[in-house]
C-alpha atoms as a PDB file:
ATOM      1  CA  MET A   1      27.845  62.424 151.122  1.00  0.00           C
ATOM      2  CA  GLY A   2      30.245  60.038 152.834  1.00  0.00           C
ATOM      3  CA  GLU A   3      34.073  59.742 152.228  1.00  0.00           C
ATOM      4  CA  MET A   4      35.191  57.779 149.184  1.00  0.00           C
ATOM      5  CA  GLY A   5      37.294  54.765 149.958  1.00  0.00           C
ATOM      6  CA  GLY A   6      40.078  53.205 147.861  1.00  0.00           C
ATOM      7  CA  VAL A   7      43.739  52.128 147.753  1.00  0.00           C
ATOM      8  CA  PRO A   8      46.226  54.874 148.625  1.00  0.00           C
ATOM      9  CA  ALA A   9      48.320  56.132 145.668  1.00  0.00           C
ATOM     10  CA  ALA A  10      51.896  54.761 145.460  1.00  0.00           C
ATOM     11  CA  PRO A  11      54.652  57.246 146.222  1.00  0.00           C
ATOM     12  CA  PRO A  12      56.477  58.585 143.167  1.00  0.00           C
ATOM     13  CA  ALA A  13      59.404  56.449 142.018  1.00  0.00           C
ATOM     14  CA  ALA A  14      62.861  57.659 143.005  1.00  0.00           C
ATOM     15  CA  PRO A  15      64.932  58.993 140.125  1.00  0.00           C
ATOM     16  CA  PRO A  16      67.508  56.534 138.814  1.00  0.00           C
ATOM     17  CA  ALA A  17      70.910  56.799 140.427  1.00  0.00           C
ATOM     18  CA  ALA A  18      73.379  58.850 138.449  1.00  0.00           C
ATOM     19  CA  PRO A  19      76.130  56.769 136.882  1.00  0.00           C
ATOM     20  CA  PRO A  20      79.489  57.146 138.573  1.00  0.00           C
ATOM     21  CA  ALA A  21      81.482  60.035 137.238  1.00  0.00           C
ATOM     22  CA  THR A  22      84.046  59.030 134.627  1.00  0.00           C
ATOM     23  CA  PRO A  23      87.486  60.217 135.694  1.00  0.00           C
ATOM     24  CA  PRO A  24      89.156  62.493 133.187  1.00  0.00           C
ATOM     25  CA  PRO A  25      91.598  60.704 130.911  1.00  0.00           C
ATOM     26  CA  GLN A  26      95.123  60.739 132.237  1.00  0.00           C
ATOM     27  CA  PRO A  27      97.900  61.873 129.917  1.00  0.00           C
ATOM     28  CA  GLN A  28      99.832  58.908 128.639  1.00  0.00           C
ATOM     29  CA  PRO A  29     103.609  58.967 128.484  1.00  0.00           C
ATOM     30  CA  PRO A  30     104.917  59.105 124.931  1.00  0.00           C
ATOM     31  CA  ALA A  31     105.787  55.755 123.423  1.00  0.00           C
ATOM     32  CA  PHE A  32     109.365  55.598 122.194  1.00  0.00           C
ATOM     33  CA  ASP A  33     112.274  53.211 122.095  1.00  0.00           C
ATOM     34  CA  ASP A  34     115.383  53.604 124.211  1.00  0.00           C
ATOM     35  CA  GLY A  35     117.298  54.580 121.087  1.00  0.00           C
ATOM     36  CA  THR A  36     118.798  57.568 119.331  1.00  0.00           C
ATOM     37  CA  PHE A  37     117.801  59.588 116.283  1.00  0.00           C
ATOM     38  CA  CYS A  38     120.788  61.418 114.817  1.00  0.00           C
ATOM     39  CA  TRP A  39     121.073  64.016 112.097  1.00  0.00           C
ATOM     40  CA  LEU A  40     123.474  66.396 110.406  1.00  0.00           C
ATOM     41  CA  VAL A  41     123.534  69.166 107.826  1.00  0.00           C
ATOM     42  CA  THR A  42     126.079  69.017 105.016  1.00  0.00           C
ATOM     43  CA  MET A  43     126.995  70.781 101.823  1.00  0.00           C
ATOM     44  CA  SER A  44     126.421  68.605  98.778  1.00  0.00           C
ATOM     45  CA  SER A  45     130.006  69.007  97.537  1.00  0.00           C
ATOM     46  CA  GLY A  46     133.482  69.491  98.924  1.00  0.00           C
ATOM     47  CA  GLY A  47     135.089  68.169 102.085  1.00  0.00           C
ATOM     48  CA  GLU A  48     131.888  67.829 104.126  1.00  0.00           C
ATOM     49  CA  ALA A  49     130.219  65.743 101.444  1.00  0.00           C
ATOM     50  CA  ALA A  50     133.282  63.478 101.233  1.00  0.00           C
ATOM     51  CA  LEU A  51     133.196  62.932 104.994  1.00  0.00           C
ATOM     52  CA  VAL A  52     129.480  62.130 105.025  1.00  0.00           C
ATOM     53  CA  ARG A  53     129.891  59.624 102.199  1.00  0.00           C
ATOM     54  CA  ALA A  54     132.710  57.962 104.149  1.00  0.00           C
ATOM     55  CA  HIS A  55     130.516  57.875 107.280  1.00  0.00           C
ATOM     56  CA  PHE A  56     127.707  56.246 105.318  1.00  0.00           C
ATOM     57  CA  ASN A  57     129.930  53.668 103.604  1.00  0.00           C
ATOM     58  CA  THR A  58     131.517  52.596 106.905  1.00  0.00           C
ATOM     59  CA  HIS A  59     128.325  52.783 108.998  1.00  0.00           C
ATOM     60  CA  ARG A  60     129.871  55.252 111.448  1.00  0.00           C
ATOM     61  CA  SER A  61     128.805  58.514 113.130  1.00  0.00           C
ATOM     62  CA  ILE A  62     125.060  59.156 112.707  1.00  0.00           C
ATOM     63  CA  PHE A  63     124.686  56.039 110.556  1.00  0.00           C
ATOM     64  CA  ALA A  64     125.319  53.899 113.650  1.00  0.00           C
ATOM     65  CA  CYS A  65     122.237  55.397 115.365  1.00  0.00           C
ATOM     66  CA  SER A  66     118.804  53.786 115.607  1.00  0.00           C
ATOM     67  CA  ALA A  67     117.463  56.277 113.046  1.00  0.00           C
ATOM     68  CA  TRP A  68     119.078  59.100 111.114  1.00  0.00           C
ATOM     69  CA  SER A  69     118.586  61.907 108.603  1.00  0.00           C
ATOM     70  CA  VAL A  70     120.915  63.950 106.406  1.00  0.00           C
ATOM     71  CA  PHE A  71     119.904  67.446 105.309  1.00  0.00           C
ATOM     72  CA  SER A  72     121.587  69.244 102.430  1.00  0.00           C
ATOM     73  CA  ASP A  73     121.180  71.854  99.700  1.00  0.00           C
ATOM     74  CA  THR A  74     120.272  69.189  97.151  1.00  0.00           C
ATOM     75  CA  ALA A  75     118.572  65.841  97.061  1.00  0.00           C
ATOM     76  CA  ALA A  76     121.604  64.307  95.308  1.00  0.00           C
ATOM     77  CA  LEU A  77     124.410  63.032  97.559  1.00  0.00           C
ATOM     78  CA  ALA A  78     124.643  59.469  96.243  1.00  0.00           C
ATOM     79  CA  PRO A  79     124.790  56.956  97.757  1.00  0.00           C
ATOM     80  CA  VAL A  80     123.565  58.832 100.856  1.00  0.00           C
ATOM     81  CA  PRO A  81     119.781  59.428 101.105  1.00  0.00           C
ATOM     82  CA  VAL A  82     119.243  63.130 101.862  1.00  0.00           C
ATOM     83  CA  THR A  83     116.484  65.667 102.397  1.00  0.00           C
ATOM     84  CA  ASN A  84     116.819  68.942 100.508  1.00  0.00           C
ATOM     85  CA  ILE A  85     116.244  71.939 102.804  1.00  0.00           C
ATOM     86  CA  GLY A  86     117.420  74.592 100.341  1.00  0.00           C
ATOM     87  CA  SER A  87     120.451  76.851 100.351  1.00  0.00           C
ATOM     88  CA  LEU A  88     122.948  76.485 103.196  1.00  0.00           C
ATOM     89  CA  GLN A  89     124.656  79.801 102.520  1.00  0.00           C
ATOM     90  CA  SER A  90     125.117  82.008 105.603  1.00  0.00           C
ATOM     91  CA  LYS A  91     126.848  85.270 106.423  1.00  0.00           C
ATOM     92  CA  MET A  92     130.140  85.247 108.278  1.00  0.00           C
ATOM     93  CA  ALA A  93     129.836  86.342 111.922  1.00  0.00           C
ATOM     94  CA  PRO A  94     132.401  88.599 113.664  1.00  0.00           C
ATOM     95  CA  TRP A  95     133.553  85.750 115.941  1.00  0.00           C
ATOM     96  CA  GLY A  96     134.713  83.679 112.948  1.00  0.00           C
ATOM     97  CA  SER A  97     131.730  81.348 112.618  1.00  0.00           C
ATOM     98  CA  TRP A  98     128.431  81.840 110.789  1.00  0.00           C
ATOM     99  CA  TYR A  99     125.024  83.415 111.229  1.00  0.00           C
ATOM    100  CA  ASN A 100     123.438  80.075 110.389  1.00  0.00           C
ATOM    101  CA  SER A 101     120.437  79.876 112.718  1.00  0.00           C
ATOM    102  CA  GLU A 102     117.958  80.225 109.850  1.00  0.00           C
ATOM    103  CA  VAL A 103     119.540  77.331 107.971  1.00  0.00           C
ATOM    104  CA  PHE A 104     119.380  75.042 110.982  1.00  0.00           C
ATOM    105  CA  LEU A 105     115.853  76.101 111.822  1.00  0.00           C
ATOM    106  CA  ARG A 106     114.869  74.789 108.394  1.00  0.00           C
ATOM    107  CA  ALA A 107     116.648  71.572 109.315  1.00  0.00           C
ATOM    108  CA  TRP A 108     114.728  71.445 112.620  1.00  0.00           C
ATOM    109  CA  ASP A 109     111.495  71.982 110.692  1.00  0.00           C
ATOM    110  CA  ALA A 110     112.413  68.961 108.569  1.00  0.00           C
ATOM    111  CA  VAL A 111     113.220  66.931 111.700  1.00  0.00           C
ATOM    112  CA  VAL A 112     109.762  67.692 113.057  1.00  0.00           C
ATOM    113  CA  LYS A 113     108.036  67.004 109.728  1.00  0.00           C
ATOM    114  CA  GLU A 114     109.790  63.666 109.185  1.00  0.00           C
ATOM    115  CA  GLY A 115     108.932  62.619 112.740  1.00  0.00           C
ATOM    116  CA  LYS A 116     111.744  60.086 113.159  1.00  0.00           C
ATOM    117  CA  TYR A 117     112.651  61.656 116.516  1.00  0.00           C
ATOM    118  CA  ALA A 118     109.255  60.688 117.971  1.00  0.00           C
ATOM    119  CA  GLY A 119     110.130  57.014 118.169  1.00  0.00           C
ATOM    120  CA  GLN A 120     113.485  57.491 119.907  1.00  0.00           C
ATOM    121  CA  ALA A 121     114.450  58.571 123.409  1.00  0.00           C
ATOM    122  CA  TRP A 122     117.221  60.935 122.319  1.00  0.00           C
ATOM    123  CA  THR A 123     117.911  63.196 119.351  1.00  0.00           C
ATOM    124  CA  VAL A 124     121.507  64.111 118.490  1.00  0.00           C
ATOM    125  CA  LYS A 125     122.671  66.712 116.011  1.00  0.00           C
ATOM    126  CA  VAL A 126     126.351  66.473 115.084  1.00  0.00           C
ATOM    127  CA  ASP A 127     128.664  68.206 112.652  1.00  0.00           C
ATOM    128  CA  ALA A 128     130.085  66.176 109.789  1.00  0.00           C
ATOM    129  CA  ASP A 129     133.625  66.593 111.184  1.00  0.00           C
ATOM    130  CA  THR A 130     132.691  65.290 114.655  1.00  0.00           C
ATOM    131  CA  VAL A 131     133.953  61.805 115.486  1.00  0.00           C
ATOM    132  CA  PHE A 132     130.842  60.547 117.262  1.00  0.00           C
ATOM    133  CA  PHE A 133     130.225  57.242 119.078  1.00  0.00           C
ATOM    134  CA  PRO A 134     126.453  56.803 119.580  1.00  0.00           C
ATOM    135  CA  ASP A 135     126.869  53.717 121.788  1.00  0.00           C
ATOM    136  CA  ARG A 136     128.747  55.762 124.394  1.00  0.00           C
ATOM    137  CA  LEU A 137     125.892  58.208 124.879  1.00  0.00           C
ATOM    138  CA  ARG A 138     123.827  55.786 126.980  1.00  0.00           C
ATOM    139  CA  TRP A 139     126.250  56.114 129.906  1.00  0.00           C
ATOM    140  CA  HIS A 140     125.858  59.884 129.850  1.00  0.00           C
ATOM    141  CA  VAL A 141     122.054  59.938 129.999  1.00  0.00           C
ATOM    142  CA  GLN A 142     121.573  57.361 132.730  1.00  0.00           C
ATOM    143  CA  GLY A 143     119.069  58.601 135.288  1.00  0.00           C
ATOM    144  CA  VAL A 144     117.720  61.311 132.963  1.00  0.00           C
ATOM    145  CA  SER A 145     114.091  60.926 131.908  1.00  0.00           C
ATOM    146  CA  ALA A 146     113.863  61.208 128.132  1.00  0.00           C
ATOM    147  CA  ALA A 147     110.141  61.969 128.448  1.00  0.00           C
ATOM    148  CA  ASP A 148     111.000  65.258 130.182  1.00  0.00           C
ATOM    149  CA  PRO A 149     112.600  68.242 128.425  1.00  0.00           C
ATOM    150  CA  TRP A 150     116.381  67.923 128.830  1.00  0.00           C
ATOM    151  CA  TYR A 151     119.431  68.765 126.767  1.00  0.00           C
ATOM    152  CA  LEU A 152     123.131  68.120 127.316  1.00  0.00           C
ATOM    153  CA  LYS A 153     125.961  70.655 127.241  1.00  0.00           C
ATOM    154  CA  SER A 154     129.671  69.873 127.258  1.00  0.00           C
ATOM    155  CA  GLY A 155     130.317  72.977 129.380  1.00  0.00           C
ATOM    156  CA  GLN A 156     128.911  76.386 130.179  1.00  0.00           C
ATOM    157  CA  VAL A 157     129.032  77.234 126.458  1.00  0.00           C
ATOM    158  CA  PHE A 158     126.790  75.165 124.198  1.00  0.00           C
ATOM    159  CA  LEU A 159     128.863  73.884 121.265  1.00  0.00           C
ATOM    160  CA  GLY A 160     127.295  72.774 117.999  1.00  0.00           C
ATOM    161  CA  ALA A 161     129.770  69.953 117.328  1.00  0.00           C
ATOM    162  CA  ILE A 162     127.349  67.691 119.219  1.00  0.00           C
ATOM    163  CA  GLU A 163     123.908  68.636 120.544  1.00  0.00           C
ATOM    164  CA  VAL A 164     121.860  66.120 122.558  1.00  0.00           C
ATOM    165  CA  PHE A 165     118.128  66.547 123.242  1.00  0.00           C
ATOM    166  CA  SER A 166     115.613  64.342 125.021  1.00  0.00           C
ATOM    167  CA  ASN A 167     112.410  63.265 123.334  1.00  0.00           C
ATOM    168  CA  GLY A 168     110.583  65.679 125.638  1.00  0.00           C
ATOM    169  CA  ALA A 169     112.775  68.599 124.581  1.00  0.00           C
ATOM    170  CA  VAL A 170     112.227  67.970 120.870  1.00  0.00           C
ATOM    171  CA  ARG A 171     108.467  67.591 121.440  1.00  0.00           C
ATOM    172  CA  ALA A 172     108.506  70.965 123.209  1.00  0.00           C
ATOM    173  CA  PHE A 173     110.269  72.491 120.201  1.00  0.00           C
ATOM    174  CA  ALA A 174     107.841  70.805 117.802  1.00  0.00           C
ATOM    175  CA  ASP A 175     104.868  72.169 119.749  1.00  0.00           C
ATOM    176  CA  ARG A 176     106.043  75.702 120.539  1.00  0.00           C
ATOM    177  CA  GLY A 177     109.535  76.318 119.226  1.00  0.00           C
ATOM    178  CA  ARG A 178     108.728  78.376 116.182  1.00  0.00           C
ATOM    179  CA  ALA A 179     106.386  80.617 118.197  1.00  0.00           C
ATOM    180  CA  VAL A 180     108.560  80.984 121.296  1.00  0.00           C
ATOM    181  CA  CYS A 181     112.005  81.127 119.684  1.00  0.00           C
ATOM    182  CA  ALA A 182     111.397  83.900 117.190  1.00  0.00           C
ATOM    183  CA  TYR A 183     114.087  86.434 118.170  1.00  0.00           C
ATOM    184  CA  GLY A 184     117.727  86.533 117.075  1.00  0.00           C
ATOM    185  CA  ILE A 185     117.431  84.179 114.118  1.00  0.00           C
ATOM    186  CA  ASP A 186     119.559  86.451 111.934  1.00  0.00           C
ATOM    187  CA  LYS A 187     121.930  87.513 114.708  1.00  0.00           C
ATOM    188  CA  SER A 188     123.372  84.300 116.118  1.00  0.00           C
ATOM    189  CA  GLY A 189     124.967  80.980 115.330  1.00  0.00           C
ATOM    190  CA  GLU A 190     122.728  77.938 115.462  1.00  0.00           C
ATOM    191  CA  ASP A 191     124.236  76.544 118.656  1.00  0.00           C
ATOM    192  CA  GLY A 192     123.756  79.731 120.647  1.00  0.00           C
ATOM    193  CA  PHE A 193     120.278  80.132 119.205  1.00  0.00           C
ATOM    194  CA  ILE A 194     119.064  76.620 120.067  1.00  0.00           C
ATOM    195  CA  ASP A 195     120.619  76.872 123.537  1.00  0.00           C
ATOM    196  CA  HIS A 196     118.587  80.025 124.213  1.00  0.00           C
ATOM    197  CA  CYS A 197     115.521  78.424 122.613  1.00  0.00           C
ATOM    198  CA  MET A 198     115.737  75.443 124.963  1.00  0.00           C
ATOM    199  CA  GLN A 199     115.875  77.819 127.922  1.00  0.00           C
ATOM    200  CA  LEU A 200     112.761  79.616 126.673  1.00  0.00           C
ATOM    201  CA  LEU A 201     111.028  76.242 126.333  1.00  0.00           C
ATOM    202  CA  LYS A 202     111.933  75.461 129.974  1.00  0.00           C
ATOM    203  CA  ALA A 203     114.176  72.544 129.071  1.00  0.00           C
ATOM    204  CA  SER A 204     116.749  71.695 131.731  1.00  0.00           C
ATOM    205  CA  ALA A 205     120.438  71.623 130.815  1.00  0.00           C
ATOM    206  CA  LYS A 206     122.715  68.833 132.039  1.00  0.00           C
ATOM    207  CA  ILE A 207     126.383  69.774 131.868  1.00  0.00           C
ATOM    208  CA  ASP A 208     128.579  66.810 131.001  1.00  0.00           C
ATOM    209  CA  GLY A 209     132.301  67.329 130.551  1.00  0.00           C
ATOM    210  CA  GLY A 210     132.602  63.895 128.941  1.00  0.00           C
ATOM    211  CA  LEU A 211     130.323  64.751 126.054  1.00  0.00           C
ATOM    212  CA  LEU A 212     132.891  66.428 123.789  1.00  0.00           C
ATOM    213  CA  LYS A 213     136.662  66.746 123.521  1.00  0.00           C
ATOM    214  CA  SER A 214     138.070  69.515 121.333  1.00  0.00           C
ATOM    215  CA  THR A 215     141.203  68.198 119.625  1.00  0.00           C
ATOM    216  CA  ARG A 216     142.873  67.994 116.223  1.00  0.00           C
ATOM    217  CA  ASP A 217     145.331  65.280 117.211  1.00  0.00           C
ATOM    218  CA  PRO A 218     144.084  61.732 116.540  1.00  0.00           C
ATOM    219  CA  GLN A 219     146.385  60.349 119.237  1.00  0.00           C
ATOM    220  CA  THR A 220     144.367  62.186 121.883  1.00  0.00           C
ATOM    221  CA  CYS A 221     141.188  60.310 120.927  1.00  0.00           C
ATOM    222  CA  ASN A 222     142.068  57.490 123.331  1.00  0.00           C
ATOM    223  CA  ASP A 223     139.570  58.338 126.077  1.00  0.00           C
ATOM    224  CA  HIS A 224     136.796  55.735 125.971  1.00  0.00           C
ATOM    225  CA  GLY A 225     134.555  57.870 128.181  1.00  0.00           C
ATOM    226  CA  ILE A 226     134.228  60.681 125.637  1.00  0.00           C
ATOM    227  CA  VAL A 227     131.203  60.612 123.319  1.00  0.00           C
ATOM    228  CA  ALA A 228     132.596  62.854 120.560  1.00  0.00           C
ATOM    229  CA  PHE A 229     135.857  64.390 119.332  1.00  0.00           C
ATOM    230  CA  HIS A 230     136.045  67.505 117.151  1.00  0.00           C
ATOM    231  CA  PRO A 231     137.186  68.764 114.642  1.00  0.00           C
ATOM    232  CA  PHE A 232     138.521  66.246 112.114  1.00  0.00           C
ATOM    233  CA  LYS A 233     137.805  67.681 108.694  1.00  0.00           C
ATOM    234  CA  ASP A 234     139.745  65.310 106.441  1.00  0.00           C
ATOM    235  CA  PRO A 235     138.819  61.623 106.022  1.00  0.00           C
ATOM    236  CA  GLY A 236     142.306  60.435 107.021  1.00  0.00           C
ATOM    237  CA  GLY A 237     142.378  62.324 110.314  1.00  0.00           C
ATOM    238  CA  PHE A 238     138.801  61.323 111.056  1.00  0.00           C
ATOM    239  CA  ALA A 239     139.546  57.633 110.502  1.00  0.00           C
ATOM    240  CA  ALA A 240     142.739  57.886 112.580  1.00  0.00           C
ATOM    241  CA  CYS A 241     140.860  59.400 115.536  1.00  0.00           C
ATOM    242  CA  GLN A 242     138.157  56.777 115.285  1.00  0.00           C
ATOM    243  CA  GLY A 243     140.758  54.024 115.163  1.00  0.00           C
ATOM    244  CA  VAL A 244     142.571  55.295 118.253  1.00  0.00           C
ATOM    245  CA  ALA A 245     139.289  55.707 120.119  1.00  0.00           C
ATOM    246  CA  ALA A 246     138.238  52.161 119.317  1.00  0.00           C
ATOM    247  CA  ARG A 247     141.403  50.499 120.678  1.00  0.00           C
END
């Protein structure tokens, strides 16, 4: 039998080209304004409450910030809107201050839950008796990336009269603070505790001697480069310091 003729079979089709690999999504920088979220903790009665009411009525201290919160032991501090975080009672510490880390951790929990910090570059916690000028802070954070974890200290010792944290530092606390900063809550003051917590969270400290001036004399509040003066516990002394500072 002879060979069968015919058309040769076509070669198999090449497999379709693989689509180009999609690059992994790049992390986006957080979106926030170049502003400041400020907060404080106050008793609902007594001298602190009187100061906070005066701050609110004159739009000074934290109430001059882009956003603010007040935390107290009651939801009633009219006319000031407040968030109730429960009892503010703390034990006296041997150095003359208070074992108040647990109280302020509840305040930090409320800061995270409310989320106001997320839309601002900087978060500032101040005491009610701190004469604080939010507009002066911008000169002290120039060149510091708020997206990265930073916090400011007025010296080698971290003082609770004013505490300044970048957006990145507060996000680090929101993500890992309660898990990482679990030791010493009942054995330290809140300023020492949060200082150590920031170190554990790998936040970098920027020491700024112009952040805070410790004084009780209103006439020494005349340095326009200082962000805050402390302590001024009565409304008259507070207003006098603020007046001298504003000249």
